[in-house]
Amino acid sequence: MRLVEAHWRSPLPPRVLISDSLSSAAVAIFKARGVEVAFEPELGRDKHALAEAIGDFDGLAIRSTTKVTSKLLERATRLKVIGRAGISIDNIDLAAATAKGVIVMNTPFGNSITTAEHAIALMFAVARHIPAADASTRAGRWEQNKFLGVEITGKVLGLIGCGNVGSIVADRAIGLRMRVIAFDPFLSPERAFDLGVEKVELDDLLTRADFVSLHTPVTPHTKNILSAENLARTKPGVMIINSCRAALLDENALLALLESGHVAGAALDVLEKEPAPLLGHPNVVCTPHLGASTKEAQENVALQIAEQMSDYLMRDAISNAVNFPSITAEEAPKLKPFIALADRLGSFAGQLIDSNIKKVSITYEGEVGELKIKALTASMIAALLRPLLADVNVVSAPTVAKELGVVIDEVTRAAEADFESVVTLCVEAGGRERCVSGTVFNDGKPRIISINEIKVDAAVGPSMIYVTNEDKPGFIGRFASILGNAAINIGTFALGRDREGGSSLALVEVDGLVPDKVLAEVKQLPGVKEVKALRF
């Protein structure tokens, strides 16, 4: 079973389409891993031709030219994974891909060094007026006194964001004898100490930094983080560097402060408006989004995306997915049986529910809690919702559940039962709560071990009957007789009860489908409370 929504593996090798210009080394990697590849680097420019071709492929490898729209995804009947060679996924309709169950991967580390180096280069360029001085000299003028710059040494560099790229910028800047301060809510004091940077709040950074460099993703909290208000609070004579995302910066406010002299200069690799008014200012250095444009970076991201997509298509490993938890090739075999268990538990509960789900509580007990529980939860929620929403999948399930207003709680704890690992799913719906627990035996097969706190030991088969009843003599015989008279063969028969004479249940594996009239006959037996035919 694939970890993400596939119940069989085709005997034919998976096929990947490369629709943008990508290093030939990526093609070689795909082929070496057993993946068929079609290298059509111009196809991404022709949306109609791409739509005609996409239905024949399991994977799509792209850069920035190909636009993956919802309409294209409608034609992508086989597509399992989209790989973006680079960080930005602005050209991919992530919501549509997620709804379709398509994994979207990027390569967040492949161009980190190149992007960081470009930020440093931009800082030098704006500090020493290098582009303007070059243009002046080429024009035949020798204006040495016109381009008075500032030294980098001893200056304070303020980093807004100190993750993959920002930390490399910090390392390079410290090597240049700069003092580095950083605003990043996710930067731990220990990590800041290791990097040699001072962790500060944004207000402190704005008032102290001689150079401010942006290295944070665009989120509701960081969008326009250098707003007109924040730019006005910067140190007079500050220089701004943005090699990250244009949406982090208010360009109109920056231009006004450049003209007033409060901001001494700006170096920008990204622009919100192209062409932008900023381009006409003499103290602005602009480059056309060159942050990742080196031979090494383009080679790295091509190699990485080919490896990531091949690992997923051939080994179920998921790396750098933006819409699903990462799973290593080593973790995949350990997760598989628990993915199957999660699917069975979710499916079991989902088939018993006929009203809106209010809350889902999942407990991972024992060794299973050390695995990638987000992947297990996604599988469980997809199976739980599937009886109500047939097209839900493990990629889209968390998003769909959120849209439905379903509250999902996850808890991990040490083993308290007789099993090394136990997963318990509790669902609140229709004014009642149903709970089902399961484990994986040494044979790798999922077992249901408890239903609503009644212990049971049940293997899960394709077709089953679930019955709850009062614990009174004679029920089992009458129940089995009904199945026998209907020529329904019993595979396994699991029983459980809370106490003598209390409530009991039966979970019976049978061969084939169970007719409604048989269920109705069982329902009429004395003491029967609930009867359901289940399919797995």
Protein backbone atom coordinates (compact mmCIF):
# COMPACT_ATOMS: atom_id res chain seq x y z
CA MET A 1 0.00 0.00 0.00
CA ARG A 2 1.30 3.48 -0.81
CA LEU A 3 1.44 5.80 2.15
CA VAL A 4 -0.53 8.40 0.26
CA GLU A 5 -3.81 7.21 -1.11
CA ALA A 6 -2.87 4.32 -3.37
CA HIS A 7 -3.81 0.75 -2.66
CA TRP A 8 -1.70 -0.88 -5.30
CA ARG A 9 1.47 -0.24 -7.25
CA SER A 10 1.30 -0.42 -11.01
CA PRO A 11 3.59 -3.01 -12.62
CA LEU A 12 4.59 -0.29 -15.09
CA PRO A 13 7.27 2.21 -14.03
CA PRO A 14 6.01 5.66 -13.03
CA ARG A 15 6.31 8.42 -15.61
CA VAL A 16 7.49 11.99 -14.96
CA LEU A 17 7.15 14.98 -17.25
CA ILE A 18 9.74 17.77 -17.06
CA SER A 19 7.99 20.79 -18.59
CA ASP A 20 10.59 23.47 -17.78
CA SER A 21 14.29 23.89 -18.38
CA LEU A 22 16.00 21.59 -15.89
CA SER A 23 19.52 20.21 -15.70
CA SER A 24 20.12 17.04 -17.68
CA ALA A 25 21.45 15.54 -14.47
CA ALA A 26 17.84 15.38 -13.24
CA VAL A 27 16.89 13.26 -16.22
CA ALA A 28 19.75 10.90 -15.45
CA ILE A 29 18.63 10.54 -11.84
CA PHE A 30 15.06 9.71 -12.79
CA LYS A 31 16.22 7.05 -15.21
CA ALA A 32 18.71 5.59 -12.73
CA ARG A 33 15.92 5.25 -10.16
CA GLY A 34 13.65 3.39 -12.57
CA VAL A 35 11.38 6.31 -13.45
CA GLU A 36 10.48 6.98 -17.07
CA VAL A 37 10.98 10.64 -17.93
CA ALA A 38 9.83 12.88 -20.78
CA PHE A 39 12.01 15.98 -21.08
CA GLU A 40 9.90 18.71 -22.75
CA PRO A 41 11.39 22.00 -21.47
CA GLU A 42 9.23 24.20 -23.72
CA LEU A 43 5.93 22.52 -22.88
CA GLY A 44 5.40 24.72 -19.82
CA ARG A 45 4.99 27.75 -22.10
CA ASP A 46 2.04 26.18 -23.93
CA LYS A 47 -0.80 25.56 -21.49
CA HIS A 48 -2.96 23.83 -24.08
CA ALA A 49 -0.28 21.36 -25.11
CA LEU A 50 0.57 20.76 -21.46
CA ALA A 51 -3.08 20.03 -20.66
CA GLU A 52 -3.19 17.50 -23.49
CA ALA A 53 -0.09 15.71 -22.24
CA ILE A 54 -0.45 15.80 -18.44
CA GLY A 55 -2.90 12.90 -18.19
CA ASP A 56 -0.18 10.38 -19.06
CA PHE A 57 2.13 11.21 -16.15
CA ASP A 58 2.49 10.35 -12.46
CA GLY A 59 4.85 13.24 -11.74
CA LEU A 60 5.43 16.78 -13.00
CA ALA A 61 8.81 18.47 -12.49
CA ILE A 62 8.82 22.24 -13.02
CA ARG A 63 10.58 25.50 -12.33
CA SER A 64 8.87 28.90 -12.57
CA THR A 65 7.55 28.90 -16.14
CA THR A 66 4.95 26.13 -15.90
CA LYS A 67 1.69 27.27 -14.30
CA VAL A 68 -0.10 24.46 -12.48
CA THR A 69 -3.70 25.66 -12.37
CA SER A 70 -6.86 23.97 -11.18
CA LYS A 71 -7.87 23.45 -14.81
CA LEU A 72 -4.60 21.69 -15.55
CA LEU A 73 -5.03 19.50 -12.48
CA GLU A 74 -8.47 18.44 -13.71
CA ARG A 75 -6.72 16.86 -16.69
CA ALA A 76 -4.01 15.27 -14.53
CA THR A 77 -5.83 12.00 -13.87
CA ARG A 78 -2.68 10.04 -12.93
CA LEU A 79 -0.71 12.77 -11.22
CA LYS A 80 0.65 11.94 -7.76
CA VAL A 81 3.40 14.49 -7.23
CA ILE A 82 4.50 17.93 -8.43
CA GLY A 83 8.14 18.84 -7.88
CA ARG A 84 9.19 22.51 -7.94
CA ALA A 85 12.94 22.92 -8.43
CA GLY A 86 13.27 25.93 -6.15
CA ILE A 87 11.59 27.40 -3.09
CA SER A 88 8.66 29.43 -4.39
CA ILE A 89 5.44 27.59 -5.30
CA ASP A 90 3.60 30.72 -6.45
CA ASN A 91 3.00 29.11 -9.85
CA ILE A 92 1.17 26.12 -8.33
CA ASP A 93 -2.46 26.17 -7.19
CA LEU A 94 -1.67 24.49 -3.89
CA ALA A 95 -5.28 24.31 -2.74
CA ALA A 96 -6.36 22.55 -5.93
CA ALA A 97 -3.41 20.15 -5.78
CA THR A 98 -4.16 19.35 -2.15
CA ALA A 99 -7.84 18.77 -2.87
CA LYS A 100 -6.85 16.35 -5.62
CA GLY A 101 -4.45 14.50 -3.35
CA VAL A 102 -1.32 15.53 -5.22
CA ILE A 103 1.85 15.93 -3.18
CA VAL A 104 3.62 19.24 -3.86
CA MET A 105 7.36 19.30 -3.15
CA ASN A 106 9.94 22.06 -3.35
CA THR A 107 13.67 22.31 -2.66
CA PRO A 108 14.07 24.79 0.19
CA PHE A 109 17.76 24.06 0.75
CA GLY A 110 19.15 23.70 -2.77
CA ASN A 111 19.74 27.40 -3.35
CA SER A 112 20.21 28.63 0.23
CA ILE A 113 23.91 29.39 -0.16
CA THR A 114 23.41 31.10 -3.51
CA THR A 115 20.58 33.27 -2.18
CA ALA A 116 22.54 34.18 0.94
CA GLU A 117 25.59 35.11 -1.12
CA HIS A 118 23.44 37.34 -3.32
CA ALA A 119 22.15 39.17 -0.25
CA ILE A 120 25.74 39.84 0.80
CA ALA A 121 26.59 40.95 -2.74
CA LEU A 122 23.64 43.34 -2.74
CA MET A 123 24.77 44.75 0.58
CA PHE A 124 28.23 45.50 -0.84
CA ALA A 125 26.70 46.91 -4.03
CA VAL A 126 24.48 49.42 -2.23
CA ALA A 127 27.09 50.29 0.39
CA ARG A 128 29.70 51.18 -2.26
CA HIS A 129 27.41 52.36 -5.12
CA ILE A 130 28.98 49.72 -7.34
CA PRO A 131 26.34 49.58 -10.15
CA ALA A 132 26.16 53.38 -10.51
CA ALA A 133 29.94 53.72 -10.36
CA ASP A 134 30.33 51.03 -13.00
CA ALA A 135 27.82 52.71 -15.33
CA SER A 136 29.48 56.10 -14.83
CA THR A 137 32.94 54.73 -15.58
CA ARG A 138 31.74 52.90 -18.69
CA ALA A 139 30.20 56.17 -19.86
CA GLY A 140 33.66 57.74 -19.87
CA ARG A 141 33.36 59.68 -16.64
CA TRP A 142 35.81 59.27 -13.76
CA GLU A 143 33.70 60.43 -10.80
CA GLN A 144 35.69 59.10 -7.87
CA ASN A 145 34.41 61.72 -5.43
CA LYS A 146 30.76 61.24 -6.38
CA PHE A 147 30.43 57.68 -5.08
CA LEU A 148 31.28 57.95 -1.41
CA GLY A 149 30.35 54.71 0.26
CA VAL A 150 30.28 53.23 3.78
CA GLU A 151 32.28 50.42 5.31
CA ILE A 152 30.68 47.10 6.21
CA THR A 153 33.09 46.33 9.05
CA GLY A 154 31.70 47.08 12.49
CA LYS A 155 28.22 47.83 11.23
CA VAL A 156 25.07 46.22 12.66
CA LEU A 157 23.22 43.87 10.30
CA GLY A 158 19.62 43.26 11.28
CA LEU A 159 18.14 40.03 9.92
CA ILE A 160 14.37 39.69 9.78
CA GLY A 161 14.26 35.91 9.64
CA CYS A 162 17.17 33.67 10.58
CA GLY A 163 16.28 30.31 9.04
CA ASN A 164 18.02 28.46 6.21
CA VAL A 165 19.14 31.52 4.25
CA GLY A 166 19.27 34.02 7.09
CA SER A 167 21.63 31.86 9.13
CA ILE A 168 24.06 31.63 6.20
CA VAL A 169 23.90 35.41 5.75
CA ALA A 170 24.68 35.75 9.46
CA ASP A 171 27.69 33.46 9.14
CA ARG A 172 29.08 35.39 6.18
CA ALA A 173 28.41 38.77 7.83
CA ILE A 174 30.16 37.74 11.05
CA GLY A 175 33.12 36.74 8.89
CA LEU A 176 33.10 40.31 7.57
CA ARG A 177 33.36 41.57 11.16
CA MET A 178 29.78 42.80 11.29
CA ARG A 179 27.60 42.58 14.38
CA VAL A 180 24.46 40.58 13.62
CA ILE A 181 21.11 40.91 15.36
CA ALA A 182 18.07 38.88 14.35
CA PHE A 183 14.31 39.02 14.76
CA ASP A 184 12.80 35.55 14.35
CA PRO A 185 10.15 34.13 16.72
CA PHE A 186 11.29 30.61 15.83
CA LEU A 187 14.96 31.24 16.61
CA SER A 188 15.83 29.61 19.92
CA PRO A 189 18.33 31.26 22.28
CA GLU A 190 20.56 28.19 21.91
CA ARG A 191 20.53 28.42 18.12
CA ALA A 192 21.20 32.17 18.25
CA PHE A 193 24.19 31.52 20.51
CA ASP A 194 25.54 28.86 18.17
CA LEU A 195 25.23 31.24 15.22
CA GLY A 196 26.85 34.10 17.08
CA VAL A 197 23.85 36.41 16.63
CA GLU A 198 21.85 38.41 19.13
CA LYS A 199 18.15 37.60 19.18
CA VAL A 200 16.08 40.79 19.47
CA GLU A 201 12.53 42.03 19.08
CA LEU A 202 11.55 43.82 15.88
CA ASP A 203 11.43 47.27 17.47
CA ASP A 204 14.97 46.87 18.76
CA LEU A 205 16.22 45.69 15.37
CA LEU A 206 14.67 48.60 13.51
CA THR A 207 16.27 51.23 15.76
CA ARG A 208 19.75 49.62 15.90
CA ALA A 209 20.48 48.14 12.47
CA ASP A 210 22.66 49.89 9.90
CA PHE A 211 21.57 47.33 7.33
CA VAL A 212 18.25 45.45 7.39
CA SER A 213 18.02 42.25 5.34
CA LEU A 214 14.80 40.28 4.82
CA HIS A 215 14.84 36.47 5.01
CA THR A 216 11.40 35.33 6.12
CA PRO A 217 8.52 33.66 4.27
CA VAL A 218 5.38 35.64 3.57
CA THR A 219 2.73 34.82 6.15
CA PRO A 220 -0.18 36.83 7.59
CA HIS A 221 2.27 37.88 10.34
CA THR A 222 5.17 38.87 8.08
CA LYS A 223 3.40 40.33 5.05
CA ASN A 224 4.40 44.00 4.75
CA ILE A 225 6.60 43.63 7.83
CA LEU A 226 8.59 46.62 6.61
CA SER A 227 5.50 48.78 6.45
CA ALA A 228 5.51 52.55 6.26
CA GLU A 229 5.27 52.67 10.05
CA ASN A 230 8.12 50.24 10.63
CA LEU A 231 10.35 51.80 7.98
CA ALA A 232 9.88 55.18 9.67
CA ARG A 233 11.19 53.67 12.92
CA THR A 234 14.46 52.56 11.37
CA LYS A 235 17.79 54.18 12.16
CA PRO A 236 18.53 57.27 9.99
CA GLY A 237 20.89 56.29 7.19
CA VAL A 238 19.77 52.65 7.19
CA MET A 239 20.14 50.53 4.08
CA ILE A 240 17.50 47.92 3.14
CA ILE A 241 18.23 44.62 1.39
CA ASN A 242 15.45 42.39 0.07
CA SER A 243 16.44 39.22 -1.77
CA CYS A 244 13.45 37.31 -0.42
CA ARG A 245 9.85 38.32 -1.21
CA ALA A 246 8.49 41.62 -2.49
CA ALA A 247 5.38 41.37 -0.31
CA LEU A 248 7.50 41.87 2.81
CA LEU A 249 8.18 45.50 1.94
CA ASP A 250 6.09 48.64 1.33
CA GLU A 251 7.79 49.95 -1.81
CA ASN A 252 5.96 53.28 -1.86
CA ALA A 253 6.96 54.01 1.72
CA LEU A 254 10.54 52.99 0.95
CA LEU A 255 10.68 55.38 -2.00
CA ALA A 256 9.39 58.26 0.13
CA LEU A 257 12.04 57.62 2.80
CA LEU A 258 14.77 57.36 0.16
CA GLU A 259 13.75 60.73 -1.23
CA SER A 260 13.72 62.26 2.24
CA GLY A 261 17.16 60.84 2.96
CA HIS A 262 16.07 58.81 6.00
CA VAL A 263 16.91 55.61 4.12
CA ALA A 264 20.35 55.90 2.57
CA GLY A 265 19.96 53.11 0.05
CA ALA A 266 18.16 49.94 -0.92
CA ALA A 267 19.18 46.79 -2.78
CA LEU A 268 16.32 44.73 -4.14
CA ASP A 269 16.23 41.42 -5.98
CA VAL A 270 12.42 41.30 -5.96
CA LEU A 271 9.84 43.95 -6.79
CA GLU A 272 6.11 44.06 -6.11
CA LYS A 273 5.50 46.29 -9.11
CA GLU A 274 7.51 45.78 -12.26
CA PRO A 275 8.54 48.25 -13.59
CA ALA A 276 8.63 49.99 -10.20
CA PRO A 277 9.10 53.67 -9.37
CA LEU A 278 12.02 52.59 -7.19
CA LEU A 279 14.03 51.80 -10.31
CA GLY A 280 14.47 55.49 -11.02
CA HIS A 281 16.06 56.35 -7.69
CA PRO A 282 19.87 56.74 -7.79
CA ASN A 283 20.37 55.04 -4.42
CA VAL A 284 18.54 51.87 -5.36
CA VAL A 285 20.26 48.75 -6.68
CA CYS A 286 18.00 46.27 -8.46
CA THR A 287 18.59 42.81 -9.90
CA PRO A 288 16.04 40.66 -11.77
CA HIS A 289 15.39 37.99 -9.14
CA LEU A 290 18.89 36.52 -9.30
CA GLY A 291 18.92 35.08 -5.78
CA ALA A 292 18.97 31.48 -7.00
CA SER A 293 20.66 32.11 -10.34
CA THR A 294 23.98 30.33 -10.19
CA LYS A 295 25.08 27.22 -12.00
CA GLU A 296 25.58 25.44 -8.70
CA ALA A 297 22.14 26.32 -7.37
CA GLN A 298 20.31 25.32 -10.53
CA GLU A 299 22.18 22.03 -10.58
CA ASN A 300 21.45 21.44 -6.89
CA VAL A 301 17.71 22.06 -7.08
CA ALA A 302 17.40 19.92 -10.22
CA LEU A 303 19.21 17.03 -8.56
CA GLN A 304 17.23 17.40 -5.35
CA ILE A 305 13.82 17.50 -6.96
CA ALA A 306 14.63 14.47 -9.11
CA GLU A 307 15.79 12.54 -6.05
CA GLN A 308 12.77 13.59 -3.98
CA MET A 309 10.22 12.71 -6.66
CA SER A 310 11.93 9.39 -7.42
CA ASP A 311 12.04 8.48 -3.73
CA TYR A 312 8.32 9.13 -3.44
CA LEU A 313 7.26 7.34 -6.60
CA MET A 314 9.51 4.31 -6.00
CA ARG A 315 9.97 4.11 -2.21
CA ASP A 316 7.06 6.03 -0.63
CA ALA A 317 9.46 8.54 0.94
CA ILE A 318 8.17 12.13 1.17
CA SER A 319 10.69 14.98 1.47
CA ASN A 320 10.06 18.73 1.57
CA ALA A 321 6.36 18.40 0.80
CA VAL A 322 4.47 21.60 1.47
CA ASN A 323 1.09 19.87 1.89
CA PHE A 324 1.97 16.61 3.68
CA PRO A 325 4.35 15.50 6.46
CA SER A 326 7.79 14.36 5.35
CA ILE A 327 8.52 10.63 5.57
CA THR A 328 11.98 9.20 5.04
CA ALA A 329 12.64 6.01 3.13
CA GLU A 330 13.66 4.43 6.43
CA GLU A 331 10.46 5.54 8.16
CA ALA A 332 8.15 4.40 5.37
CA PRO A 333 8.31 0.63 6.11
CA LYS A 334 7.66 1.28 9.83
CA LEU A 335 4.75 3.58 9.05
CA LYS A 336 3.02 1.34 6.50
CA PRO A 337 1.32 -1.07 8.93
CA PHE A 338 0.22 1.83 11.13
CA ILE A 339 -1.06 3.74 8.10
CA ALA A 340 -3.17 0.64 7.39
CA LEU A 341 -4.33 0.58 11.02
CA ALA A 342 -5.19 4.29 10.94
CA ASP A 343 -7.18 3.74 7.76
CA ARG A 344 -9.15 0.86 9.32
CA LEU A 345 -9.91 2.75 12.53
CA GLY A 346 -11.06 5.83 10.63
CA SER A 347 -13.13 3.77 8.22
CA PHE A 348 -14.72 1.81 11.07
CA ALA A 349 -15.79 4.96 12.91
CA GLY A 350 -16.84 6.75 9.73
CA GLN A 351 -19.22 3.96 8.73
CA LEU A 352 -20.99 4.14 12.09
CA ILE A 353 -21.60 7.89 11.96
CA ASP A 354 -24.54 9.42 10.15
CA SER A 355 -24.37 13.02 11.42
CA ASN A 356 -21.94 15.94 11.46
CA ILE A 357 -18.67 15.29 13.25
CA LYS A 358 -17.89 17.79 15.99
CA LYS A 359 -14.60 16.60 17.44
CA VAL A 360 -11.96 13.95 16.82
CA SER A 361 -9.53 12.86 19.53
CA ILE A 362 -6.63 10.58 18.64
CA THR A 363 -4.29 9.00 21.19
CA TYR A 364 -1.00 7.45 20.17
CA GLU A 365 0.24 5.22 22.96
CA GLY A 366 3.67 3.63 23.14
CA GLU A 367 6.17 3.28 20.30
CA VAL A 368 3.75 4.49 17.62
CA GLY A 369 3.94 7.95 19.21
CA GLU A 370 7.54 8.20 18.03
CA LEU A 371 6.51 7.86 14.38
CA LYS A 372 5.25 10.64 12.08
CA ILE A 373 1.82 10.87 13.66
CA LYS A 374 0.73 13.69 11.33
CA ALA A 375 0.76 11.19 8.47
CA LEU A 376 -1.21 8.70 10.56
CA THR A 377 -3.73 11.35 11.56
CA ALA A 378 -4.19 12.43 7.94
CA SER A 379 -4.87 8.83 6.91
CA MET A 380 -7.33 8.35 9.77
CA ILE A 381 -9.23 11.57 9.09
CA ALA A 382 -9.47 10.77 5.37
CA ALA A 383 -10.94 7.34 6.10
CA LEU A 384 -13.28 8.84 8.71
CA LEU A 385 -14.65 11.44 6.29
CA ARG A 386 -14.79 9.21 3.23
CA PRO A 387 -18.29 7.77 3.87
CA LEU A 388 -19.58 11.35 3.88
CA LEU A 389 -17.22 12.85 1.27
CA ALA A 390 -16.19 10.26 -1.28
CA ASP A 391 -13.41 12.33 -2.88
CA VAL A 392 -11.50 13.19 0.30
CA ASN A 393 -7.91 11.90 0.50
CA VAL A 394 -5.03 11.86 2.95
CA VAL A 395 -3.55 15.06 1.52
CA SER A 396 -6.77 17.04 1.56
CA ALA A 397 -8.30 15.52 4.72
CA PRO A 398 -6.85 17.94 7.33
CA THR A 399 -7.91 20.94 5.24
CA VAL A 400 -11.37 19.52 4.61
CA ALA A 401 -11.83 18.75 8.31
CA LYS A 402 -10.87 22.31 9.21
CA GLU A 403 -13.34 23.70 6.66
CA LEU A 404 -16.06 21.53 8.21
CA GLY A 405 -15.27 22.91 11.65
CA VAL A 406 -14.05 19.58 13.00
CA VAL A 407 -11.77 19.94 16.02
CA ILE A 408 -8.86 17.48 15.95
CA ASP A 409 -6.85 16.70 19.09
CA GLU A 410 -3.72 14.54 19.08
CA VAL A 411 -2.15 13.07 22.22
CA THR A 412 0.95 10.92 22.61
CA ARG A 413 1.77 9.05 25.80
CA ALA A 414 3.75 6.14 27.13
CA ALA A 415 2.37 2.62 26.78
CA GLU A 416 -0.20 1.77 29.43
CA ALA A 417 -1.73 -1.38 27.91
CA ASP A 418 -0.46 -4.87 27.08
CA PHE A 419 0.73 -3.75 23.64
CA GLU A 420 3.83 -1.90 22.49
CA SER A 421 1.68 0.48 20.44
CA VAL A 422 -1.99 1.38 20.60
CA VAL A 423 -3.90 3.93 18.55
CA THR A 424 -7.29 5.13 19.82
CA LEU A 425 -9.75 7.17 17.80
CA CYS A 426 -12.69 8.88 19.51
CA VAL A 427 -15.29 10.73 17.47
CA GLU A 428 -18.01 13.05 18.79
CA ALA A 429 -21.02 13.20 16.48
CA GLY A 430 -24.77 13.20 16.86
CA GLY A 431 -24.59 13.83 20.58
CA ARG A 432 -22.52 10.72 21.38
CA GLU A 433 -18.91 9.63 21.38
CA ARG A 434 -17.59 6.47 19.74
CA CYS A 435 -14.11 5.15 20.41
CA VAL A 436 -12.16 2.40 18.71
CA SER A 437 -8.63 1.23 19.50
CA GLY A 438 -6.24 -0.88 17.50
CA THR A 439 -2.71 -2.17 17.29
CA VAL A 440 -0.38 -3.89 14.84
CA PHE A 441 0.69 -7.46 15.60
CA ASN A 442 4.05 -8.96 14.67
CA ASP A 443 2.61 -10.11 11.37
CA GLY A 444 2.15 -6.46 10.39
CA LYS A 445 -1.63 -6.75 10.21
CA PRO A 446 -3.93 -4.28 11.99
CA ARG A 447 -6.19 -5.53 14.77
CA ILE A 448 -9.09 -3.87 16.55
CA ILE A 449 -8.66 -4.42 20.28
CA SER A 450 -11.33 -2.21 21.84
CA ILE A 451 -14.63 -0.64 20.83
CA ASN A 452 -16.22 1.82 23.23
CA GLU A 453 -14.04 0.41 26.03
CA ILE A 454 -15.19 -3.16 25.37
CA LYS A 455 -12.17 -5.36 24.75
CA VAL A 456 -12.16 -7.40 21.58
CA ASP A 457 -9.58 -9.07 19.35
CA ALA A 458 -10.63 -8.70 15.74
CA ALA A 459 -8.73 -8.99 12.50
CA VAL A 460 -10.07 -6.59 9.88
CA GLY A 461 -11.35 -8.14 6.67
CA PRO A 462 -12.84 -6.65 3.51
CA SER A 463 -16.44 -7.32 4.59
CA MET A 464 -17.62 -7.35 8.20
CA ILE A 465 -20.75 -7.16 10.34
CA TYR A 466 -20.76 -5.12 13.53
CA VAL A 467 -23.44 -5.85 16.12
CA THR A 468 -24.03 -4.50 19.62
CA ASN A 469 -26.51 -6.21 21.93
CA GLU A 470 -27.46 -7.08 25.48
CA ASP A 471 -25.32 -9.87 26.89
CA LYS A 472 -27.92 -12.63 27.12
CA PRO A 473 -27.73 -16.37 26.32
CA GLY A 474 -28.77 -17.55 22.87
CA PHE A 475 -27.80 -14.52 20.84
CA ILE A 476 -24.73 -16.03 19.16
CA GLY A 477 -26.61 -19.12 18.01
CA ARG A 478 -29.52 -17.17 16.58
CA PHE A 479 -27.18 -14.69 14.90
CA ALA A 480 -25.06 -17.42 13.32
CA SER A 481 -28.19 -19.23 12.14
CA ILE A 482 -29.39 -16.15 10.27
CA LEU A 483 -26.06 -15.92 8.47
CA GLY A 484 -26.05 -19.63 7.72
CA ASN A 485 -29.59 -19.60 6.35
CA ALA A 486 -28.55 -16.73 4.06
CA ALA A 487 -25.52 -18.74 2.84
CA ILE A 488 -23.13 -16.17 4.29
CA ASN A 489 -19.85 -17.78 5.23
CA ILE A 490 -18.14 -16.61 8.43
CA GLY A 491 -14.38 -15.99 8.27
CA THR A 492 -13.68 -14.81 11.81
CA PHE A 493 -15.94 -14.15 14.78
CA ALA A 494 -14.76 -11.76 17.53
CA LEU A 495 -16.77 -11.15 20.70
CA GLY A 496 -16.48 -8.79 23.65
CA ARG A 497 -18.52 -7.54 26.60
CA ASP A 498 -18.13 -5.01 29.37
CA ARG A 499 -19.48 -7.31 32.09
CA GLU A 500 -21.63 -10.39 32.54
CA GLY A 501 -25.20 -9.53 31.57
CA GLY A 502 -24.16 -6.07 30.41
CA SER A 503 -23.42 -4.84 26.90
CA SER A 504 -21.67 -7.01 24.34
CA LEU A 505 -20.55 -6.73 20.74
CA ALA A 506 -19.65 -8.94 17.81
CA LEU A 507 -17.34 -8.10 14.94
CA VAL A 508 -17.65 -10.76 12.28
CA GLU A 509 -15.71 -11.13 9.05
CA VAL A 510 -17.83 -12.64 6.28
CA ASP A 511 -17.35 -13.56 2.65
CA GLY A 512 -19.02 -11.16 0.24
CA LEU A 513 -21.60 -8.44 0.67
CA VAL A 514 -24.32 -8.66 3.31
CA PRO A 515 -27.85 -8.09 1.96
CA ASP A 516 -29.97 -5.46 3.69
CA LYS A 517 -32.65 -8.04 4.46
CA VAL A 518 -30.13 -10.06 6.46
CA LEU A 519 -29.17 -6.98 8.47
CA ALA A 520 -32.85 -6.26 9.08
CA GLU A 521 -33.38 -9.82 10.33
CA VAL A 522 -30.44 -9.53 12.73
CA LYS A 523 -31.79 -6.20 13.93
CA GLN A 524 -35.00 -7.95 15.00
CA LEU A 525 -33.20 -10.34 17.33
CA PRO A 526 -33.96 -9.75 21.02
CA GLY A 527 -31.55 -7.38 22.72
CA VAL A 528 -29.88 -6.13 19.54
CA LYS A 529 -29.07 -2.41 19.67
CA GLU A 530 -27.12 -1.72 16.48
CA VAL A 531 -26.25 -3.60 13.29
CA LYS A 532 -23.92 -2.35 10.56
CA ALA A 533 -22.36 -3.91 7.50
CA LEU A 534 -18.82 -2.60 7.08
CA ARG A 535 -16.56 -2.54 4.03
CA PHE A 536 -12.78 -2.04 4.22
